[in-house]
Structures are given as structure tokens and as C-alpha cells.
Protein backbone atom coordinates (compact mmCIF):
# COMPACT_ATOMS: atom_id res chain seq x y z
CA MET A 1 40.44 15.21 20.28
CA PRO A 2 39.45 13.48 16.89
CA PRO A 3 39.15 9.39 16.51
CA GLY A 4 42.10 7.61 15.84
CA LEU A 5 43.26 4.40 14.64
CA LEU A 6 45.94 2.24 16.19
CA THR A 7 48.05 0.61 14.11
CA HIS A 8 50.75 -1.81 14.97
CA GLY A 9 52.55 -5.82 13.90
CA THR A 10 51.87 -8.36 17.02
CA ARG A 11 55.49 -9.32 16.48
CA ASP A 12 57.05 -5.37 15.80
CA PRO A 13 60.93 -5.67 17.29
CA MET A 14 61.39 -2.52 18.14
CA VAL A 15 58.38 -0.53 19.54
CA SER A 16 56.68 -3.21 22.07
CA VAL A 17 52.72 -3.84 21.07
CA TYR A 18 52.02 -2.80 24.21
CA TYR A 19 52.88 0.32 24.31
CA THR A 20 49.76 0.48 21.76
CA CYS A 21 47.29 -1.75 23.84
CA THR A 22 48.12 0.85 26.60
CA LEU A 23 47.82 3.83 24.20
CA ALA A 24 44.41 2.52 23.27
CA ASP A 25 43.66 1.59 26.88
CA LEU A 26 43.91 5.72 28.23
CA MET A 27 41.67 7.05 25.61
CA THR A 28 39.05 4.90 25.97
CA ALA A 29 39.98 5.56 29.37
CA ARG A 30 39.51 9.14 28.59
CA GLY A 31 36.16 9.10 26.63
CA HIS A 32 38.10 9.69 23.26
CA SER A 33 36.76 7.48 20.18
CA GLN A 34 39.50 4.88 18.86
CA VAL A 35 39.92 2.15 16.84
CA THR A 36 42.66 -0.23 17.67
CA GLN A 37 43.49 -2.58 14.37
CA LEU A 38 46.99 -5.04 15.43
CA PHE A 39 49.18 -6.63 12.27
CA ASN A 40 49.34 -10.17 13.42
CA GLY A 41 53.01 -11.85 12.82
CA GLU A 42 53.48 -8.35 11.15
CA GLY A 43 56.97 -6.40 12.47
CA HIS A 44 58.53 -2.53 12.84
CA GLY A 45 56.91 -1.41 9.22
CA VAL A 46 53.22 -0.97 7.01
CA PRO A 47 51.51 -4.71 5.84
CA SER A 48 50.73 -4.71 1.68
CA ASN A 49 47.38 -4.33 3.41
CA TRP A 50 47.46 -1.99 5.07
CA ALA A 51 45.11 0.64 2.57
CA GLN A 52 42.79 -2.00 2.69
CA LEU A 53 42.08 -2.67 5.70
CA VAL A 54 42.57 1.61 7.41
CA TRP A 55 40.28 3.23 4.47
CA PRO A 56 37.12 2.72 5.78
CA PHE A 57 37.82 3.76 8.63
CA PHE A 58 38.88 7.42 7.43
CA ALA A 59 36.06 6.45 4.76
CA SER A 60 33.36 6.05 7.65
CA ARG A 61 34.36 10.21 9.80
CA ARG A 62 34.15 13.26 8.68
CA LEU A 63 36.72 15.65 10.03
CA GLY A 64 35.12 17.65 13.25
CA ASP A 65 33.76 14.58 14.66
CA ARG A 66 34.58 13.32 17.59
């Protein structure tokens, strides 16, 4: 499984942040690389600063990395 980037707004009214945190824990427990970024106070959707926060994650990895 390739490295995973999980993002979630802490005030998402549609999907509980619990599910993202649970997925992160399961991935880690199974030895899969993951980074979780919680957006404090954000709801359901993509915050305006999303790209500047996630591009470093993608830029530091290559296809085929595990």
C-alpha cells in the first residue's frame, strides 16, 4: 500500500473525524505509512490552505515508495 495522507476538518458535520482517526490507527497497526492532517475548526470540504499543506507530503514521496 502506498503512503496515505488523511485529511479531515475537526468540525465536519457530515463525517465524524473519528473515522479518519480510526483509519489512521488501523493503517499504522498494519504497518502502512500514513500522515494525518486535521484542520482545526474546519467543516466538510477543502480548506483554502489545503494545497500548501499537502504538497510537501506528495513532493517528498515517489511512486513505488511504501
